[in-house]
C-alpha cells in the first residue's frame, strides 16, 4: 500500500507541459529567425562548435529535474509493515436513497446532498466501528463493503448521484435486504442507517424487515425532505431547464413520507430521525449507537510507512550537476562519430 504526503503539490505538475510547449515554441521561433540570416550550412560555418541537440537535451533535463523536485515535495510513501489491530465496535451499513425524488430542493441544497452531509458527519463522529455503503433507487446495489477506511467511505459518498441506477422509483425493501447481506459476522452488533424521503414504490417491506429482525439488525431511519414537498428540477448545463412532469403533463410534487420510515424503525428496535438539522441528527444517531453492545473484531492495517522523497531529490540533484557541467559546445567524441548527422 502506498500514499502521498502532500497531494496539493501535484498541482505544480501542470507547469511542466506548459514549460515544454513554451520551449518547443521558442526553438521553432529560433529556427525561423536563423533561417532569415542564412542556410543551415552557412550558420554551421559561423558557429561550428555549437550543438543544437545539447541545448534541447539541457531543456529536457531541466523539465525532468522539475518533475523530480515536485515528486520529492509530494513525498510518496510505501507501507512496509502491517499489524493486526483489535477493535471494539459495531458494524454499520449506510443505505442511501439515490432516486430522482432526492433531487427535490425542499431542503437545502437538495435531499441527496443533505443526505451526503449527514452521512459524512455521522462517519466523522464514529470511533472504531466498521462501515459499508449501499445505494438504492428502484433496486439496491452494493457500493462499499464493510471496512474501517472512513476516508474511502466518504469518497464513495461524494460520488453518489441519481444517475447510478437506471431503474426508476424507490425500493426500501431491496435496500434493507441488500444491506442485510453486508454483515459477514453473526456475532457483531449490526445497524443499518437508512436515508430516504420515505417514498416507496416497491413491495415486500414486511418481509425485508423480518430478515433484518432475524439477523438482529437495528435500523435507524433518517427522513430527508419536508411534508410540504417540492418539485424535481431537470438541469441542463448546471441550470434548471424544467421540472419533472407526470404522464398527464402535470408538475410532480414529491413529499416526504415519514410513516413508512417510522414503522421500519419501530419494528427493528431502531430509531426514526428527521434529517433537517445536521447537528441534531448526528447527536441522536450517536446516542442510539452508544447503547449498542460493542463486539471485538480484528483488522489489518499499515503500521509503518517508508518515505521515498530522497530518491527523487537525489535524481534531481544529479541532473542539476550534469547540467552545470554540460556546455552548448559539441562533444569531441560525439562529433567524430557524427551521431546526430551534423556533417554532410
C-alpha atoms as a PDB file:
ATOM      1  CA  UNK A   1       0.000   0.000   0.000  1.00  0.00           C
ATOM      2  CA  UNK A   2       1.261   3.466  -0.816  1.00  0.00           C
ATOM      3  CA  UNK A   3       0.211   7.007  -0.004  1.00  0.00           C
ATOM      4  CA  UNK A   4       1.166  10.593  -0.843  1.00  0.00           C
ATOM      5  CA  UNK A   5       2.024  13.015   1.948  1.00  0.00           C
ATOM      6  CA  UNK A   6       1.358  16.360   0.257  1.00  0.00           C
ATOM      7  CA  UNK A   7      -1.007  15.833  -2.672  1.00  0.00           C
ATOM      8  CA  UNK A   8      -1.572  19.568  -3.207  1.00  0.00           C
ATOM      9  CA  UNK A   9       1.949  19.827  -4.678  1.00  0.00           C
ATOM     10  CA  UNK A  10       0.726  17.680  -7.585  1.00  0.00           C
ATOM     11  CA  UNK A  11      -0.880  20.833  -8.994  1.00  0.00           C
ATOM     12  CA  UNK A  12       2.621  22.034  -9.884  1.00  0.00           C
ATOM     13  CA  UNK A  13       2.803  19.188 -12.426  1.00  0.00           C
ATOM     14  CA  UNK A  14       0.619  21.344 -14.675  1.00  0.00           C
ATOM     15  CA  UNK A  15       3.581  23.706 -15.079  1.00  0.00           C
ATOM     16  CA  UNK A  16       5.740  21.058 -16.798  1.00  0.00           C
ATOM     17  CA  UNK A  17       3.716  20.636 -20.047  1.00  0.00           C
ATOM     18  CA  UNK A  18       3.287  24.430 -20.205  1.00  0.00           C
ATOM     19  CA  UNK A  19       7.041  24.952 -19.973  1.00  0.00           C
ATOM     20  CA  UNK A  20       7.575  22.155 -22.511  1.00  0.00           C
ATOM     21  CA  UNK A  21       5.256  23.850 -25.006  1.00  0.00           C
ATOM     22  CA  UNK A  22       6.960  27.204 -24.443  1.00  0.00           C
ATOM     23  CA  UNK A  23      10.382  25.621 -25.068  1.00  0.00           C
ATOM     24  CA  UNK A  24       9.106  23.958 -28.250  1.00  0.00           C
ATOM     25  CA  UNK A  25       7.643  27.264 -29.460  1.00  0.00           C
ATOM     26  CA  UNK A  26      10.940  29.038 -28.675  1.00  0.00           C
ATOM     27  CA  UNK A  27      13.028  26.519 -30.660  1.00  0.00           C
ATOM     28  CA  UNK A  28      10.654  26.812 -33.629  1.00  0.00           C
ATOM     29  CA  UNK A  29      10.797  30.605 -33.450  1.00  0.00           C
ATOM     30  CA  UNK A  30      14.617  30.480 -33.190  1.00  0.00           C
ATOM     31  CA  UNK A  31      14.829  28.254 -36.286  1.00  0.00           C
ATOM     32  CA  UNK A  32      12.720  30.643 -38.323  1.00  0.00           C
ATOM     33  CA  UNK A  33      14.767  33.633 -37.227  1.00  0.00           C
ATOM     34  CA  UNK A  34      18.072  31.930 -38.020  1.00  0.00           C
ATOM     35  CA  UNK A  35      16.887  30.929 -41.487  1.00  0.00           C
ATOM     36  CA  UNK A  36      16.293  34.595 -42.316  1.00  0.00           C
ATOM     37  CA  UNK A  37      20.054  35.153 -41.946  1.00  0.00           C
ATOM     38  CA  UNK A  38      21.222  32.207 -43.981  1.00  0.00           C
ATOM     39  CA  UNK A  39      21.048  28.497 -44.693  1.00  0.00           C
ATOM     40  CA  UNK A  40      21.823  25.790 -42.144  1.00  0.00           C
ATOM     41  CA  UNK A  41      25.224  25.183 -43.764  1.00  0.00           C
ATOM     42  CA  UNK A  42      26.157  28.836 -43.546  1.00  0.00           C
ATOM     43  CA  UNK A  43      25.187  29.043 -39.850  1.00  0.00           C
ATOM     44  CA  UNK A  44      27.193  25.887 -39.122  1.00  0.00           C
ATOM     45  CA  UNK A  45      30.284  27.520 -40.614  1.00  0.00           C
ATOM     46  CA  UNK A  46      29.747  30.627 -38.458  1.00  0.00           C
ATOM     47  CA  UNK A  47      29.387  28.575 -35.215  1.00  0.00           C
ATOM     48  CA  UNK A  48      30.852  25.137 -35.910  1.00  0.00           C
ATOM     49  CA  UNK A  49      31.202  24.172 -32.236  1.00  0.00           C
ATOM     50  CA  UNK A  50      27.613  24.934 -31.163  1.00  0.00           C
ATOM     51  CA  UNK A  51      25.426  21.837 -30.658  1.00  0.00           C
ATOM     52  CA  UNK A  52      21.713  22.411 -31.055  1.00  0.00           C
ATOM     53  CA  UNK A  53      20.993  18.919 -29.733  1.00  0.00           C
ATOM     54  CA  UNK A  54      22.702  19.645 -26.409  1.00  0.00           C
ATOM     55  CA  UNK A  55      20.536  22.728 -25.955  1.00  0.00           C
ATOM     56  CA  UNK A  56      17.415  20.586 -26.414  1.00  0.00           C
ATOM     57  CA  UNK A  57      18.873  17.931 -24.097  1.00  0.00           C
ATOM     58  CA  UNK A  58      19.529  20.506 -21.370  1.00  0.00           C
ATOM     59  CA  UNK A  59      15.932  21.689 -21.657  1.00  0.00           C
ATOM     60  CA  UNK A  60      14.662  18.117 -21.262  1.00  0.00           C
ATOM     61  CA  UNK A  61      16.938  17.633 -18.245  1.00  0.00           C
ATOM     62  CA  UNK A  62      15.576  20.838 -16.701  1.00  0.00           C
ATOM     63  CA  UNK A  63      11.964  19.643 -17.098  1.00  0.00           C
ATOM     64  CA  UNK A  64      12.792  16.208 -15.641  1.00  0.00           C
ATOM     65  CA  UNK A  65      14.581  17.930 -12.735  1.00  0.00           C
ATOM     66  CA  UNK A  66      11.456  19.967 -12.025  1.00  0.00           C
ATOM     67  CA  UNK A  67       9.371  16.766 -12.140  1.00  0.00           C
ATOM     68  CA  UNK A  68      11.679  15.053  -9.625  1.00  0.00           C
ATOM     69  CA  UNK A  69      11.567  18.056  -7.267  1.00  0.00           C
ATOM     70  CA  UNK A  70       7.763  18.090  -7.330  1.00  0.00           C
ATOM     71  CA  UNK A  71       7.613  14.355  -6.603  1.00  0.00           C
ATOM     72  CA  UNK A  72      10.053  14.876  -3.733  1.00  0.00           C
ATOM     73  CA  UNK A  73       7.737  17.516  -2.272  1.00  0.00           C
ATOM     74  CA  UNK A  74       4.758  15.156  -2.633  1.00  0.00           C
ATOM     75  CA  UNK A  75       6.781  12.512  -0.739  1.00  0.00           C
ATOM     76  CA  UNK A  76       5.427   9.122  -1.878  1.00  0.00           C
ATOM     77  CA  UNK A  77       5.335   6.541   0.916  1.00  0.00           C
ATOM     78  CA  UNK A  78       5.053   2.772   0.781  1.00  0.00           C
ATOM     79  CA  UNK A  79       3.726   0.673   3.634  1.00  0.00           C
ATOM     80  CA  UNK A  80       6.454  -1.626   4.885  1.00  0.00           C
ATOM     81  CA  UNK A  81       4.829  -3.182   7.932  1.00  0.00           C
ATOM     82  CA  UNK A  82       1.333  -4.366   8.784  1.00  0.00           C
ATOM     83  CA  UNK A  83      -0.112  -5.292  12.135  1.00  0.00           C
ATOM     84  CA  UNK A  84      -3.296  -6.876  13.414  1.00  0.00           C
ATOM     85  CA  UNK A  85      -5.345  -4.440  15.457  1.00  0.00           C
ATOM     86  CA  UNK A  86      -8.087  -5.497  17.832  1.00  0.00           C
ATOM     87  CA  UNK A  87     -11.029  -3.137  17.935  1.00  0.00           C
ATOM     88  CA  UNK A  88     -14.352  -2.844  19.699  1.00  0.00           C
ATOM     89  CA  UNK A  89     -17.265  -1.546  17.736  1.00  0.00           C
ATOM     90  CA  UNK A  90     -20.328  -2.306  15.686  1.00  0.00           C
ATOM     91  CA  UNK A  91     -20.965  -2.888  12.007  1.00  0.00           C
ATOM     92  CA  UNK A  92     -22.914  -0.096  10.318  1.00  0.00           C
ATOM     93  CA  UNK A  93     -24.267  -0.008   6.762  1.00  0.00           C
ATOM     94  CA  UNK A  94     -25.340   3.330   5.296  1.00  0.00           C
ATOM     95  CA  UNK A  95     -28.209   2.817   2.824  1.00  0.00           C
ATOM     96  CA  UNK A  96     -28.527   5.942   0.673  1.00  0.00           C
ATOM     97  CA  UNK A  97     -31.555   6.724  -1.483  1.00  0.00           C
ATOM     98  CA  UNK A  98     -30.415   7.946  -4.928  1.00  0.00           C
ATOM     99  CA  UNK A  99     -33.831   8.062  -6.622  1.00  0.00           C
ATOM    100  CA  UNK A 100     -34.810  11.111  -8.685  1.00  0.00           C
ATOM    101  CA  UNK A 101     -37.059  12.407  -5.899  1.00  0.00           C
ATOM    102  CA  UNK A 102     -33.895  13.026  -3.867  1.00  0.00           C
ATOM    103  CA  UNK A 103     -33.128  15.952  -6.204  1.00  0.00           C
ATOM    104  CA  UNK A 104     -36.038  17.932  -4.733  1.00  0.00           C
ATOM    105  CA  UNK A 105     -34.840  21.173  -3.180  1.00  0.00           C
ATOM    106  CA  UNK A 106     -37.371  21.451  -0.348  1.00  0.00           C
ATOM    107  CA  UNK A 107     -34.364  21.017   1.929  1.00  0.00           C
ATOM    108  CA  UNK A 108     -31.144  22.841   1.008  1.00  0.00           C
ATOM    109  CA  UNK A 109     -29.204  22.290  -1.165  1.00  0.00           C
ATOM    110  CA  UNK A 110     -31.319  19.234  -2.103  1.00  0.00           C
ATOM    111  CA  UNK A 111     -32.288  15.982  -0.426  1.00  0.00           C
ATOM    112  CA  UNK A 112     -29.394  13.947  -1.796  1.00  0.00           C
ATOM    113  CA  UNK A 113     -26.687  16.495  -0.952  1.00  0.00           C
ATOM    114  CA  UNK A 114     -28.174  16.889   2.522  1.00  0.00           C
ATOM    115  CA  UNK A 115     -28.024  13.100   2.918  1.00  0.00           C
ATOM    116  CA  UNK A 116     -24.335  13.091   1.960  1.00  0.00           C
ATOM    117  CA  UNK A 117     -23.629  15.822   4.523  1.00  0.00           C
ATOM    118  CA  UNK A 118     -25.450  13.912   7.257  1.00  0.00           C
ATOM    119  CA  UNK A 119     -23.719  10.613   6.468  1.00  0.00           C
ATOM    120  CA  UNK A 120     -20.268  12.249   6.339  1.00  0.00           C
ATOM    121  CA  UNK A 121     -20.804  13.953   9.706  1.00  0.00           C
ATOM    122  CA  UNK A 122     -22.021  10.718  11.288  1.00  0.00           C
ATOM    123  CA  UNK A 123     -18.890   8.940   9.990  1.00  0.00           C
ATOM    124  CA  UNK A 124     -16.694  11.720  11.425  1.00  0.00           C
ATOM    125  CA  UNK A 125     -18.158  11.032  14.868  1.00  0.00           C
ATOM    126  CA  UNK A 126     -17.630   7.269  14.779  1.00  0.00           C
ATOM    127  CA  UNK A 127     -14.769   5.674  16.653  1.00  0.00           C
ATOM    128  CA  UNK A 128     -13.692   2.134  15.870  1.00  0.00           C
ATOM    129  CA  UNK A 129     -16.812   0.902  14.094  1.00  0.00           C
ATOM    130  CA  UNK A 130     -16.789  -0.747  10.682  1.00  0.00           C
ATOM    131  CA  UNK A 131     -18.946   0.736   7.930  1.00  0.00           C
ATOM    132  CA  UNK A 132     -20.324  -0.135   4.496  1.00  0.00           C
ATOM    133  CA  UNK A 133     -22.388   1.717   1.888  1.00  0.00           C
ATOM    134  CA  UNK A 134     -25.394   0.651  -0.210  1.00  0.00           C
ATOM    135  CA  UNK A 135     -27.104   2.804  -2.827  1.00  0.00           C
ATOM    136  CA  UNK A 136     -30.662   2.227  -3.934  1.00  0.00           C
ATOM    137  CA  UNK A 137     -33.480   3.529  -6.089  1.00  0.00           C
ATOM    138  CA  UNK A 138     -35.733   1.083  -7.964  1.00  0.00           C
ATOM    139  CA  UNK A 139     -33.201  -1.540  -6.897  1.00  0.00           C
ATOM    140  CA  UNK A 140     -30.310  -1.638  -4.439  1.00  0.00           C
ATOM    141  CA  UNK A 141     -26.644  -2.132  -5.250  1.00  0.00           C
ATOM    142  CA  UNK A 142     -23.540  -2.533  -3.053  1.00  0.00           C
ATOM    143  CA  UNK A 143     -21.148   0.425  -3.091  1.00  0.00           C
ATOM    144  CA  UNK A 144     -18.541  -0.253  -0.421  1.00  0.00           C
ATOM    145  CA  UNK A 145     -18.175  -3.476   1.611  1.00  0.00           C
ATOM    146  CA  UNK A 146     -17.624  -3.399   5.365  1.00  0.00           C
ATOM    147  CA  UNK A 147     -14.396  -1.523   6.081  1.00  0.00           C
ATOM    148  CA  UNK A 148     -12.611   0.625   8.658  1.00  0.00           C
ATOM    149  CA  UNK A 149     -11.388   3.066   5.990  1.00  0.00           C
ATOM    150  CA  UNK A 150     -13.531   6.118   6.721  1.00  0.00           C
ATOM    151  CA  UNK A 151     -11.799   8.306   4.127  1.00  0.00           C
ATOM    152  CA  UNK A 152     -12.629   5.789   1.414  1.00  0.00           C
ATOM    153  CA  UNK A 153     -16.252   5.680   2.600  1.00  0.00           C
ATOM    154  CA  UNK A 154     -16.592   9.474   2.412  1.00  0.00           C
ATOM    155  CA  UNK A 155     -15.070   9.462  -1.068  1.00  0.00           C
ATOM    156  CA  UNK A 156     -17.701   6.954  -2.227  1.00  0.00           C
ATOM    157  CA  UNK A 157     -20.421   9.068  -0.628  1.00  0.00           C
ATOM    158  CA  UNK A 158     -19.320  12.159  -2.549  1.00  0.00           C
ATOM    159  CA  UNK A 159     -19.558  10.273  -5.850  1.00  0.00           C
ATOM    160  CA  UNK A 160     -23.126   9.044  -5.338  1.00  0.00           C
ATOM    161  CA  UNK A 161     -25.721  10.531  -7.701  1.00  0.00           C
ATOM    162  CA  UNK A 162     -29.156   9.857  -9.161  1.00  0.00           C
ATOM    163  CA  UNK A 163     -27.736   8.510 -12.443  1.00  0.00           C
ATOM    164  CA  UNK A 164     -26.186   5.469 -10.764  1.00  0.00           C
ATOM    165  CA  UNK A 165     -29.356   3.375 -11.116  1.00  0.00           C
ATOM    166  CA  UNK A 166     -31.341   3.146 -14.328  1.00  0.00           C
ATOM    167  CA  UNK A 167     -34.469   1.702 -12.679  1.00  0.00           C
ATOM    168  CA  UNK A 168     -36.948   4.331 -11.506  1.00  0.00           C
ATOM    169  CA  UNK A 169     -38.675   4.510  -8.142  1.00  0.00           C
ATOM    170  CA  UNK A 170     -37.620   3.702  -4.605  1.00  0.00           C
ATOM    171  CA  UNK A 171     -37.485   0.158  -3.224  1.00  0.00           C
ATOM    172  CA  UNK A 172     -36.914   0.335   0.535  1.00  0.00           C
ATOM    173  CA  UNK A 173     -37.315  -3.436   0.831  1.00  0.00           C
ATOM    174  CA  UNK A 174     -34.464  -4.070  -1.619  1.00  0.00           C
ATOM    175  CA  UNK A 175     -32.278  -1.583   0.259  1.00  0.00           C
ATOM    176  CA  UNK A 176     -32.845  -3.426   3.550  1.00  0.00           C
ATOM    177  CA  UNK A 177     -32.263  -6.877   2.017  1.00  0.00           C
ATOM    178  CA  UNK A 178     -29.000  -5.919   0.279  1.00  0.00           C
ATOM    179  CA  UNK A 179     -27.762  -4.070   3.363  1.00  0.00           C
ATOM    180  CA  UNK A 180     -28.529  -7.145   5.497  1.00  0.00           C
ATOM    181  CA  UNK A 181     -26.235  -9.230   3.288  1.00  0.00           C
ATOM    182  CA  UNK A 182     -23.268  -6.985   4.114  1.00  0.00           C
ATOM    183  CA  UNK A 183     -22.871  -8.325   7.638  1.00  0.00           C
ATOM    184  CA  UNK A 184     -20.436 -11.231   7.454  1.00  0.00           C
ATOM    185  CA  UNK A 185     -20.010 -11.887  11.183  1.00  0.00           C
ATOM    186  CA  UNK A 186     -23.088 -13.209  13.035  1.00  0.00           C
ATOM    187  CA  UNK A 187     -21.578 -12.228  16.394  1.00  0.00           C
ATOM    188  CA  UNK A 188     -21.187  -8.486  15.758  1.00  0.00           C
ATOM    189  CA  UNK A 189     -23.801  -5.888  16.631  1.00  0.00           C
ATOM    190  CA  UNK A 190     -25.403  -4.642  13.419  1.00  0.00           C
ATOM    191  CA  UNK A 191     -27.051  -1.363  12.422  1.00  0.00           C
ATOM    192  CA  UNK A 192     -28.475  -0.076   9.148  1.00  0.00           C
ATOM    193  CA  UNK A 193     -28.744   3.706   8.829  1.00  0.00           C
ATOM    194  CA  UNK A 194     -31.292   4.196   6.076  1.00  0.00           C
ATOM    195  CA  UNK A 195     -31.620   7.617   4.434  1.00  0.00           C
ATOM    196  CA  UNK A 196     -34.735   8.295   2.388  1.00  0.00           C
ATOM    197  CA  UNK A 197     -37.558  10.730   1.713  1.00  0.00           C
ATOM    198  CA  UNK A 198     -39.896   7.837   2.526  1.00  0.00           C
ATOM    199  CA  UNK A 199     -41.443   7.489  -0.912  1.00  0.00           C
ATOM    200  CA  UNK A 200     -41.686   3.764  -1.622  1.00  0.00           C
ATOM    201  CA  UNK A 201     -42.660   2.244  -4.959  1.00  0.00           C
ATOM    202  CA  UNK A 202     -41.665  -1.313  -4.105  1.00  0.00           C
ATOM    203  CA  UNK A 203     -43.210  -4.199  -2.259  1.00  0.00           C
ATOM    204  CA  UNK A 204     -42.163  -6.630   0.418  1.00  0.00           C
ATOM    205  CA  UNK A 205     -41.127  -4.231   3.188  1.00  0.00           C
ATOM    206  CA  UNK A 206     -42.587  -6.531   5.846  1.00  0.00           C
ATOM    207  CA  UNK A 207     -40.538  -9.467   4.538  1.00  0.00           C
ATOM    208  CA  UNK A 208     -37.357  -7.352   4.380  1.00  0.00           C
ATOM    209  CA  UNK A 209     -37.926  -6.138   7.961  1.00  0.00           C
ATOM    210  CA  UNK A 210     -38.360  -9.764   9.084  1.00  0.00           C
ATOM    211  CA  UNK A 211     -34.981 -10.622   7.513  1.00  0.00           C
ATOM    212  CA  UNK A 212     -33.379  -7.764   9.443  1.00  0.00           C
ATOM    213  CA  UNK A 213     -35.040  -8.874  12.690  1.00  0.00           C
ATOM    214  CA  UNK A 214     -33.883 -12.478  12.193  1.00  0.00           C
ATOM    215  CA  UNK A 215     -30.289 -11.210  11.922  1.00  0.00           C
ATOM    216  CA  UNK A 216     -30.700  -8.901  14.957  1.00  0.00           C
ATOM    217  CA  UNK A 217     -30.202  -5.809  12.806  1.00  0.00           C
ATOM    218  CA  UNK A 218     -31.427  -2.474  14.151  1.00  0.00           C
ATOM    219  CA  UNK A 219     -32.488   0.059  11.521  1.00  0.00           C
ATOM    220  CA  UNK A 220     -32.161   3.792  12.118  1.00  0.00           C
ATOM    221  CA  UNK A 221     -34.239   5.625   9.524  1.00  0.00           C
ATOM    222  CA  UNK A 222     -33.464   9.245   8.686  1.00  0.00           C
ATOM    223  CA  UNK A 223     -36.161  11.108   6.779  1.00  0.00           C
ATOM    224  CA  UNK A 224     -34.816  13.754   4.408  1.00  0.00           C
ATOM    225  CA  UNK A 225     -37.280  16.258   2.984  1.00  0.00           C
ATOM    226  CA  UNK A 226     -40.437  18.096   4.054  1.00  0.00           C
ATOM    227  CA  UNK A 227     -44.108  17.143   4.255  1.00  0.00           C
ATOM    228  CA  UNK A 228     -44.927  20.132   2.021  1.00  0.00           C
ATOM    229  CA  UNK A 229     -42.646  18.615  -0.598  1.00  0.00           C
ATOM    230  CA  UNK A 230     -41.016  20.138  -3.626  1.00  0.00           C
ATOM    231  CA  UNK A 231     -40.550  19.883  -7.373  1.00  0.00           C
ATOM    232  CA  UNK A 232     -37.871  17.732  -9.027  1.00  0.00           C
ATOM    233  CA  UNK A 233     -35.683  20.002 -11.170  1.00  0.00           C
ATOM    234  CA  UNK A 234     -34.299  18.928 -14.529  1.00  0.00           C
ATOM    235  CA  UNK A 235     -30.949  20.592 -15.062  1.00  0.00           C
ATOM    236  CA  UNK A 236     -29.071  21.355 -18.263  1.00  0.00           C
ATOM    237  CA  UNK A 237     -25.542  22.792 -18.085  1.00  0.00           C
ATOM    238  CA  UNK A 238     -25.973  23.391 -14.365  1.00  0.00           C
ATOM    239  CA  UNK A 239     -29.195  25.389 -14.740  1.00  0.00           C
ATOM    240  CA  UNK A 240     -32.806  24.401 -14.134  1.00  0.00           C
ATOM    241  CA  UNK A 241     -34.381  23.871 -17.566  1.00  0.00           C
ATOM    242  CA  UNK A 242     -37.673  22.387 -16.390  1.00  0.00           C
ATOM    243  CA  UNK A 243     -39.330  20.338 -13.678  1.00  0.00           C
ATOM    244  CA  UNK A 244     -40.273  16.678 -13.817  1.00  0.00           C
ATOM    245  CA  UNK A 245     -43.828  16.082 -15.042  1.00  0.00           C
ATOM    246  CA  UNK A 246     -46.131  13.092 -14.923  1.00  0.00           C
ATOM    247  CA  UNK A 247     -47.753  11.345 -17.898  1.00  0.00           C
ATOM    248  CA  UNK A 248     -50.536  13.965 -17.974  1.00  0.00           C
ATOM    249  CA  UNK A 249     -48.106  16.859 -18.110  1.00  0.00           C
ATOM    250  CA  UNK A 250     -48.569  17.994 -14.508  1.00  0.00           C
ATOM    251  CA  UNK A 251     -45.543  19.060 -12.486  1.00  0.00           C
ATOM    252  CA  UNK A 252     -44.633  16.344  -9.996  1.00  0.00           C
ATOM    253  CA  UNK A 253     -44.526  17.298  -6.322  1.00  0.00           C
ATOM    254  CA  UNK A 254     -42.634  14.835  -4.156  1.00  0.00           C
ATOM    255  CA  UNK A 255     -43.422  14.812  -0.442  1.00  0.00           C
ATOM    256  CA  UNK A 256     -41.616  13.194   2.432  1.00  0.00           C
ATOM    257  CA  UNK A 257     -43.459  10.148   3.783  1.00  0.00           C
ATOM    258  CA  UNK A 258     -42.334   9.558   7.364  1.00  0.00           C
ATOM    259  CA  UNK A 259     -44.927   6.913   8.221  1.00  0.00           C
ATOM    260  CA  UNK A 260     -43.183   4.028   6.456  1.00  0.00           C
ATOM    261  CA  UNK A 261     -39.796   5.003   7.861  1.00  0.00           C
ATOM    262  CA  UNK A 262     -41.224   5.182  11.399  1.00  0.00           C
ATOM    263  CA  UNK A 263     -42.681   1.694  11.075  1.00  0.00           C
ATOM    264  CA  UNK A 264     -39.362   0.218   9.876  1.00  0.00           C
ATOM    265  CA  UNK A 265     -37.509   1.773  12.822  1.00  0.00           C
ATOM    266  CA  UNK A 266     -40.071   0.630  15.394  1.00  0.00           C
ATOM    267  CA  UNK A 267     -40.220  -2.944  14.064  1.00  0.00           C
ATOM    268  CA  UNK A 268     -36.426  -3.393  14.269  1.00  0.00           C
ATOM    269  CA  UNK A 269     -35.828  -1.631  17.568  1.00  0.00           C
ATOM    270  CA  UNK A 270     -34.077   1.263  15.880  1.00  0.00           C
ATOM    271  CA  UNK A 271     -34.939   4.951  15.786  1.00  0.00           C
ATOM    272  CA  UNK A 272     -36.685   7.390  13.462  1.00  0.00           C
ATOM    273  CA  UNK A 273     -34.983  10.765  12.974  1.00  0.00           C
ATOM    274  CA  UNK A 274     -35.958  13.825  10.943  1.00  0.00           C
ATOM    275  CA  UNK A 275     -32.951  14.861   8.881  1.00  0.00           C
ATOM    276  CA  UNK A 276     -33.455  18.622   8.769  1.00  0.00           C
ATOM    277  CA  UNK A 277     -30.753  19.688  11.230  1.00  0.00           C
ATOM    278  CA  UNK A 278     -27.301  18.133  10.888  1.00  0.00           C
ATOM    279  CA  UNK A 279     -26.096  18.581  14.485  1.00  0.00           C
ATOM    280  CA  UNK A 280     -29.315  17.195  15.914  1.00  0.00           C
ATOM    281  CA  UNK A 281     -29.217  14.163  13.595  1.00  0.00           C
ATOM    282  CA  UNK A 282     -25.577  13.388  14.417  1.00  0.00           C
ATOM    283  CA  UNK A 283     -26.266  13.696  18.136  1.00  0.00           C
ATOM    284  CA  UNK A 284     -29.319  11.416  18.003  1.00  0.00           C
ATOM    285  CA  UNK A 285     -27.507   8.765  15.957  1.00  0.00           C
ATOM    286  CA  UNK A 286     -24.563   8.901  18.363  1.00  0.00           C
ATOM    287  CA  UNK A 287     -26.895   8.451  21.347  1.00  0.00           C
ATOM    288  CA  UNK A 288     -28.619   5.482  19.715  1.00  0.00           C
ATOM    289  CA  UNK A 289     -25.485   3.553  18.793  1.00  0.00           C
ATOM    290  CA  UNK A 290     -23.748   4.373  22.095  1.00  0.00           C
ATOM    291  CA  UNK A 291     -26.031   1.949  23.930  1.00  0.00           C
ATOM    292  CA  UNK A 292     -25.499  -0.876  21.441  1.00  0.00           C
ATOM    293  CA  UNK A 293     -23.199  -3.608  22.671  1.00  0.00           C
ATOM    294  CA  UNK A 294     -19.722  -3.359  21.131  1.00  0.00           C
ATOM    295  CA  UNK A 295     -18.055  -6.523  19.855  1.00  0.00           C
ATOM    296  CA  UNK A 296     -14.394  -7.380  19.331  1.00  0.00           C
ATOM    297  CA  UNK A 297     -13.009  -7.788  15.834  1.00  0.00           C
ATOM    298  CA  UNK A 298      -9.601  -7.774  14.232  1.00  0.00           C
ATOM    299  CA  UNK A 299      -8.375  -5.851  11.220  1.00  0.00           C
ATOM    300  CA  UNK A 300      -5.108  -5.476   9.332  1.00  0.00           C
ATOM    301  CA  UNK A 301      -3.679  -2.003   8.972  1.00  0.00           C
ATOM    302  CA  UNK A 302      -0.439  -0.420   7.838  1.00  0.00           C
ATOM    303  CA  UNK A 303       1.676   0.338  10.890  1.00  0.00           C
ATOM    304  CA  UNK A 304       4.755   1.821   9.232  1.00  0.00           C
ATOM    305  CA  UNK A 305       5.389   3.778   6.029  1.00  0.00           C
ATOM    306  CA  UNK A 306       8.752   4.359   4.356  1.00  0.00           C
ATOM    307  CA  UNK A 307       9.320   7.755   2.706  1.00  0.00           C
ATOM    308  CA  UNK A 308      10.913   7.835  -0.762  1.00  0.00           C
ATOM    309  CA  UNK A 309      11.287  11.588  -1.328  1.00  0.00           C
ATOM    310  CA  UNK A 310      15.078  11.303  -1.024  1.00  0.00           C
ATOM    311  CA  UNK A 311      15.324   9.183  -4.200  1.00  0.00           C
ATOM    312  CA  UNK A 312      13.587  11.819  -6.282  1.00  0.00           C
ATOM    313  CA  UNK A 313      15.657  14.547  -4.645  1.00  0.00           C
ATOM    314  CA  UNK A 314      18.868  12.644  -5.425  1.00  0.00           C
ATOM    315  CA  UNK A 315      17.900  12.269  -9.094  1.00  0.00           C
ATOM    316  CA  UNK A 316      17.076  15.987  -9.259  1.00  0.00           C
ATOM    317  CA  UNK A 317      20.450  16.947  -7.747  1.00  0.00           C
ATOM    318  CA  UNK A 318      22.274  14.610 -10.121  1.00  0.00           C
ATOM    319  CA  UNK A 319      20.552  16.184 -13.119  1.00  0.00           C
ATOM    320  CA  UNK A 320      21.376  19.682 -11.844  1.00  0.00           C
ATOM    321  CA  UNK A 321      25.075  18.733 -11.575  1.00  0.00           C
ATOM    322  CA  UNK A 322      25.019  17.269 -15.094  1.00  0.00           C
ATOM    323  CA  UNK A 323      23.500  20.494 -16.437  1.00  0.00           C
ATOM    324  CA  UNK A 324      26.139  22.623 -14.690  1.00  0.00           C
ATOM    325  CA  UNK A 325      28.925  20.765 -16.489  1.00  0.00           C
ATOM    326  CA  UNK A 326      27.075  20.473 -19.802  1.00  0.00           C
ATOM    327  CA  UNK A 327      28.112  23.180 -22.257  1.00  0.00           C
ATOM    328  CA  UNK A 328      26.492  24.019 -25.563  1.00  0.00           C
ATOM    329  CA  UNK A 329      29.654  23.025 -27.443  1.00  0.00           C
ATOM    330  CA  UNK A 330      29.767  19.794 -29.374  1.00  0.00           C
ATOM    331  CA  UNK A 331      31.393  16.908 -27.534  1.00  0.00           C
ATOM    332  CA  UNK A 332      34.583  15.766 -29.305  1.00  0.00           C
ATOM    333  CA  UNK A 333      33.883  12.012 -29.367  1.00  0.00           C
ATOM    334  CA  UNK A 334      30.290  12.594 -30.417  1.00  0.00           C
ATOM    335  CA  UNK A 335      31.404  14.927 -33.169  1.00  0.00           C
ATOM    336  CA  UNK A 336      33.844  12.299 -34.500  1.00  0.00           C
ATOM    337  CA  UNK A 337      31.111   9.673 -34.696  1.00  0.00           C
ATOM    338  CA  UNK A 338      28.605  12.124 -36.179  1.00  0.00           C
ATOM    339  CA  UNK A 339      25.748  10.639 -34.093  1.00  0.00           C
ATOM    340  CA  UNK A 340      23.399  13.489 -34.925  1.00  0.00           C
ATOM    341  CA  UNK A 341      24.305  13.604 -38.612  1.00  0.00           C
ATOM    342  CA  UNK A 342      25.762  17.103 -38.249  1.00  0.00           C
ATOM    343  CA  UNK A 343      28.213  16.602 -41.129  1.00  0.00           C
ATOM    344  CA  UNK A 344      27.128  16.400 -44.700  1.00  0.00           C
END
